[in-house]
Amino acid sequence: MIPEELAQTELLCMLAEESNELSQAALKLRRAIDGSNPTPKTVDECKRALIEEMADVMLCYSVVDLTLSDGFKAANQTKRQKYLRWMERLNERN
């Protein structure tokens, strides 16, 4: 298993790196869709890059999660709370 081959610090570094690449891919797709700051990449190319980076982050997340006690359970509870808070904010603006 990967967590047995790499130290937790290295796994966290990989998660951070891949998260940064995901952020950059999302911003690039935004540029391609918006067109106000042109990029030579097409929207489809940017979507494919975003999907690839999302997969990388999900993979790193799942491997890091194996090294945390109750990480997945805690992350899911937090994700649910954040989702509900986001919905509340959207409802408040209407």
N, C-alpha and C. Protein backbone atom coordinates (compact mmCIF):
# COMPACT_ATOMS: atom_id res chain seq x y z
N MET A 1 0.83 -1.19 0.00
CA MET A 1 0.00 0.00 0.00
C MET A 1 0.87 1.25 0.00
N ILE A 2 0.36 2.29 -0.61
CA ILE A 2 1.13 3.53 -0.74
C ILE A 2 1.52 4.12 0.61
N PRO A 3 0.59 4.19 1.62
CA PRO A 3 0.99 4.77 2.90
C PRO A 3 2.15 4.05 3.58
N GLU A 4 2.37 2.81 3.22
CA GLU A 4 3.50 2.06 3.78
C GLU A 4 4.80 2.38 3.04
N GLU A 5 4.68 2.94 1.84
CA GLU A 5 5.86 3.26 1.03
C GLU A 5 6.32 4.70 1.20
N LEU A 6 5.39 5.59 1.52
CA LEU A 6 5.71 7.01 1.63
C LEU A 6 5.32 7.53 3.01
N ALA A 7 6.12 8.41 3.55
CA ALA A 7 5.83 9.01 4.85
C ALA A 7 4.59 9.90 4.74
N GLN A 8 3.91 10.06 5.87
CA GLN A 8 2.72 10.91 5.88
C GLN A 8 3.06 12.33 5.43
N THR A 9 4.23 12.82 5.78
CA THR A 9 4.63 14.17 5.36
C THR A 9 4.72 14.27 3.84
N GLU A 10 5.22 13.22 3.20
CA GLU A 10 5.30 13.22 1.73
C GLU A 10 3.90 13.15 1.12
N LEU A 11 3.02 12.37 1.72
CA LEU A 11 1.65 12.28 1.23
C LEU A 11 0.94 13.63 1.34
N LEU A 12 1.17 14.33 2.44
CA LEU A 12 0.58 15.65 2.61
C LEU A 12 1.14 16.64 1.59
N CYS A 13 2.42 16.53 1.30
CA CYS A 13 3.04 17.38 0.29
C CYS A 13 2.41 17.12 -1.07
N MET A 14 2.21 15.86 -1.40
CA MET A 14 1.59 15.52 -2.68
C MET A 14 0.16 16.05 -2.76
N LEU A 15 -0.58 15.93 -1.66
CA LEU A 15 -1.94 16.44 -1.63
C LEU A 15 -1.94 17.95 -1.87
N ALA A 16 -1.02 18.66 -1.22
CA ALA A 16 -0.93 20.11 -1.40
C ALA A 16 -0.56 20.46 -2.84
N GLU A 17 0.38 19.76 -3.42
CA GLU A 17 0.80 20.02 -4.80
C GLU A 17 -0.35 19.79 -5.77
N GLU A 18 -1.02 18.65 -5.61
CA GLU A 18 -2.13 18.33 -6.52
C GLU A 18 -3.29 19.30 -6.32
N SER A 19 -3.52 19.73 -5.09
CA SER A 19 -4.58 20.71 -4.83
C SER A 19 -4.27 22.03 -5.53
N ASN A 20 -3.02 22.42 -5.52
CA ASN A 20 -2.60 23.64 -6.22
C ASN A 20 -2.82 23.49 -7.72
N GLU A 21 -2.47 22.33 -8.27
CA GLU A 21 -2.68 22.10 -9.70
C GLU A 21 -4.17 22.11 -10.05
N LEU A 22 -5.01 21.60 -9.15
CA LEU A 22 -6.45 21.65 -9.36
C LEU A 22 -6.94 23.09 -9.39
N SER A 23 -6.43 23.88 -8.47
CA SER A 23 -6.79 25.30 -8.44
C SER A 23 -6.42 25.99 -9.74
N GLN A 24 -5.23 25.73 -10.22
CA GLN A 24 -4.77 26.34 -11.47
C GLN A 24 -5.63 25.89 -12.65
N ALA A 25 -6.01 24.61 -12.67
CA ALA A 25 -6.84 24.09 -13.77
C ALA A 25 -8.23 24.74 -13.74
N ALA A 26 -8.78 24.95 -12.54
CA ALA A 26 -10.09 25.60 -12.43
C ALA A 26 -10.01 27.04 -12.93
N LEU A 27 -8.95 27.73 -12.56
CA LEU A 27 -8.79 29.11 -13.03
C LEU A 27 -8.60 29.17 -14.54
N LYS A 28 -7.86 28.21 -15.09
CA LYS A 28 -7.65 28.18 -16.54
C LYS A 28 -8.98 27.93 -17.27
N LEU A 29 -9.80 27.03 -16.73
CA LEU A 29 -11.11 26.77 -17.34
C LEU A 29 -11.98 28.02 -17.27
N ARG A 30 -11.92 28.71 -16.16
CA ARG A 30 -12.67 29.97 -16.04
C ARG A 30 -12.26 30.95 -17.12
N ARG A 31 -10.96 31.06 -17.35
CA ARG A 31 -10.46 31.96 -18.40
C ARG A 31 -10.97 31.54 -19.77
N ALA A 32 -10.94 30.22 -20.02
CA ALA A 32 -11.39 29.72 -21.33
C ALA A 32 -12.88 29.98 -21.53
N ILE A 33 -13.67 29.82 -20.49
CA ILE A 33 -15.12 30.05 -20.58
C ILE A 33 -15.41 31.53 -20.72
N ASP A 34 -14.77 32.34 -19.90
CA ASP A 34 -15.05 33.78 -19.84
C ASP A 34 -14.52 34.52 -21.07
N GLY A 35 -13.30 34.21 -21.48
CA GLY A 35 -12.72 34.83 -22.66
C GLY A 35 -12.17 36.23 -22.47
N SER A 36 -12.35 36.82 -21.28
CA SER A 36 -11.85 38.19 -21.09
C SER A 36 -10.33 38.23 -20.94
N ASN A 37 -9.74 37.13 -20.53
CA ASN A 37 -8.29 37.00 -20.45
C ASN A 37 -7.93 35.72 -21.21
N PRO A 38 -7.79 35.81 -22.53
CA PRO A 38 -7.70 34.63 -23.39
C PRO A 38 -6.55 33.68 -23.04
N THR A 39 -6.82 32.42 -23.30
CA THR A 39 -5.83 31.36 -23.16
C THR A 39 -5.82 30.57 -24.46
N PRO A 40 -4.68 30.02 -24.87
CA PRO A 40 -4.64 29.26 -26.12
C PRO A 40 -5.37 27.91 -26.01
N LYS A 41 -5.71 27.50 -24.81
CA LYS A 41 -6.39 26.21 -24.62
C LYS A 41 -7.89 26.37 -24.84
N THR A 42 -8.49 25.32 -25.39
CA THR A 42 -9.94 25.33 -25.60
C THR A 42 -10.66 24.99 -24.29
N VAL A 43 -11.94 25.26 -24.26
CA VAL A 43 -12.75 24.90 -23.09
C VAL A 43 -12.68 23.40 -22.85
N ASP A 44 -12.78 22.61 -23.91
CA ASP A 44 -12.72 21.14 -23.75
C ASP A 44 -11.37 20.68 -23.20
N GLU A 45 -10.28 21.28 -23.69
CA GLU A 45 -8.95 20.93 -23.15
C GLU A 45 -8.87 21.27 -21.67
N CYS A 46 -9.41 22.43 -21.32
CA CYS A 46 -9.38 22.86 -19.92
C CYS A 46 -10.25 21.97 -19.04
N LYS A 47 -11.38 21.53 -19.56
CA LYS A 47 -12.25 20.61 -18.81
C LYS A 47 -11.53 19.29 -18.55
N ARG A 48 -10.87 18.78 -19.59
CA ARG A 48 -10.13 17.51 -19.42
C ARG A 48 -9.02 17.66 -18.38
N ALA A 49 -8.32 18.79 -18.41
CA ALA A 49 -7.26 19.04 -17.44
C ALA A 49 -7.84 19.14 -16.03
N LEU A 50 -8.98 19.80 -15.89
CA LEU A 50 -9.63 19.92 -14.59
C LEU A 50 -10.03 18.55 -14.06
N ILE A 51 -10.61 17.71 -14.90
CA ILE A 51 -11.01 16.36 -14.49
C ILE A 51 -9.80 15.55 -14.04
N GLU A 52 -8.71 15.66 -14.78
CA GLU A 52 -7.49 14.93 -14.41
C GLU A 52 -6.97 15.39 -13.05
N GLU A 53 -6.96 16.69 -12.83
CA GLU A 53 -6.47 17.21 -11.55
C GLU A 53 -7.42 16.85 -10.40
N MET A 54 -8.73 16.83 -10.69
CA MET A 54 -9.68 16.40 -9.66
C MET A 54 -9.40 14.95 -9.27
N ALA A 55 -9.13 14.11 -10.26
CA ALA A 55 -8.82 12.70 -9.98
C ALA A 55 -7.55 12.59 -9.14
N ASP A 56 -6.54 13.38 -9.47
CA ASP A 56 -5.28 13.36 -8.70
C ASP A 56 -5.53 13.75 -7.24
N VAL A 57 -6.33 14.80 -7.03
CA VAL A 57 -6.62 15.25 -5.67
C VAL A 57 -7.41 14.18 -4.92
N MET A 58 -8.41 13.60 -5.59
CA MET A 58 -9.21 12.56 -4.93
C MET A 58 -8.35 11.35 -4.56
N LEU A 59 -7.43 10.99 -5.43
CA LEU A 59 -6.53 9.88 -5.13
C LEU A 59 -5.65 10.21 -3.93
N CYS A 60 -5.04 11.39 -3.94
CA CYS A 60 -4.20 11.79 -2.81
C CYS A 60 -5.01 11.87 -1.53
N TYR A 61 -6.21 12.43 -1.62
CA TYR A 61 -7.07 12.52 -0.45
C TYR A 61 -7.34 11.13 0.12
N SER A 62 -7.68 10.18 -0.74
CA SER A 62 -8.00 8.84 -0.24
C SER A 62 -6.79 8.17 0.39
N VAL A 63 -5.60 8.42 -0.13
CA VAL A 63 -4.40 7.83 0.45
C VAL A 63 -4.06 8.51 1.78
N VAL A 64 -4.16 9.84 1.82
CA VAL A 64 -3.91 10.55 3.08
C VAL A 64 -4.93 10.12 4.12
N ASP A 65 -6.17 9.95 3.70
CA ASP A 65 -7.23 9.56 4.62
C ASP A 65 -6.91 8.24 5.31
N LEU A 66 -6.23 7.34 4.62
CA LEU A 66 -5.85 6.06 5.22
C LEU A 66 -4.88 6.24 6.38
N THR A 67 -4.18 7.35 6.39
CA THR A 67 -3.18 7.59 7.44
C THR A 67 -3.76 8.34 8.63
N LEU A 68 -5.02 8.78 8.50
CA LEU A 68 -5.67 9.53 9.58
C LEU A 68 -6.69 8.65 10.29
N SER A 69 -6.77 8.76 11.59
CA SER A 69 -7.79 7.99 12.29
C SER A 69 -9.13 8.69 12.14
N ASP A 70 -10.11 7.97 11.66
CA ASP A 70 -11.46 8.50 11.43
C ASP A 70 -11.47 9.71 10.49
N GLY A 71 -10.47 9.83 9.67
CA GLY A 71 -10.40 10.98 8.76
C GLY A 71 -11.59 11.08 7.84
N PHE A 72 -11.97 9.98 7.21
CA PHE A 72 -13.07 10.01 6.24
C PHE A 72 -14.38 10.37 6.92
N LYS A 73 -14.65 9.78 8.07
CA LYS A 73 -15.88 10.07 8.79
C LYS A 73 -15.93 11.54 9.19
N ALA A 74 -14.84 12.04 9.73
CA ALA A 74 -14.79 13.45 10.15
C ALA A 74 -14.92 14.38 8.95
N ALA A 75 -14.26 14.05 7.85
CA ALA A 75 -14.32 14.88 6.65
C ALA A 75 -15.74 14.92 6.10
N ASN A 76 -16.43 13.79 6.10
CA ASN A 76 -17.80 13.76 5.60
C ASN A 76 -18.74 14.57 6.47
N GLN A 77 -18.56 14.52 7.78
CA GLN A 77 -19.39 15.32 8.69
C GLN A 77 -19.14 16.81 8.45
N THR A 78 -17.89 17.18 8.32
CA THR A 78 -17.54 18.57 8.07
C THR A 78 -18.07 19.02 6.72
N LYS A 79 -17.94 18.17 5.71
CA LYS A 79 -18.43 18.49 4.37
C LYS A 79 -19.94 18.74 4.41
N ARG A 80 -20.66 17.93 5.11
CA ARG A 80 -22.12 18.11 5.23
C ARG A 80 -22.45 19.45 5.90
N GLN A 81 -21.74 19.78 6.97
CA GLN A 81 -21.98 21.05 7.65
C GLN A 81 -21.69 22.23 6.74
N LYS A 82 -20.60 22.14 5.98
CA LYS A 82 -20.24 23.22 5.07
C LYS A 82 -21.26 23.35 3.94
N TYR A 83 -21.76 22.22 3.45
CA TYR A 83 -22.77 22.24 2.40
C TYR A 83 -24.03 22.94 2.90
N LEU A 84 -24.48 22.60 4.10
CA LEU A 84 -25.67 23.22 4.66
C LEU A 84 -25.48 24.72 4.86
N ARG A 85 -24.30 25.12 5.34
CA ARG A 85 -24.00 26.54 5.54
C ARG A 85 -24.01 27.28 4.20
N TRP A 86 -23.45 26.65 3.16
CA TRP A 86 -23.43 27.24 1.83
C TRP A 86 -24.86 27.45 1.32
N MET A 87 -25.70 26.44 1.51
CA MET A 87 -27.10 26.55 1.07
C MET A 87 -27.81 27.69 1.84
N GLU A 88 -27.53 27.80 3.12
CA GLU A 88 -28.12 28.88 3.92
C GLU A 88 -27.71 30.24 3.35
N ARG A 89 -26.47 30.39 3.02
CA ARG A 89 -25.99 31.67 2.47
C ARG A 89 -26.65 31.98 1.14
N LEU A 90 -26.81 30.96 0.30
CA LEU A 90 -27.48 31.18 -0.98
C LEU A 90 -28.94 31.55 -0.77
N ASN A 91 -29.60 30.94 0.19
CA ASN A 91 -31.00 31.25 0.48
C ASN A 91 -31.15 32.64 1.07
N GLU A 92 -30.15 33.09 1.86
CA GLU A 92 -30.22 34.41 2.48
C GLU A 92 -30.14 35.54 1.45
N ARG A 93 -29.48 35.29 0.35
CA ARG A 93 -29.34 36.37 -0.65
C ARG A 93 -30.63 36.59 -1.44
N ASN A 94 -31.54 35.64 -1.38
CA ASN A 94 -32.81 35.77 -2.12
C ASN A 94 -33.87 36.44 -1.32
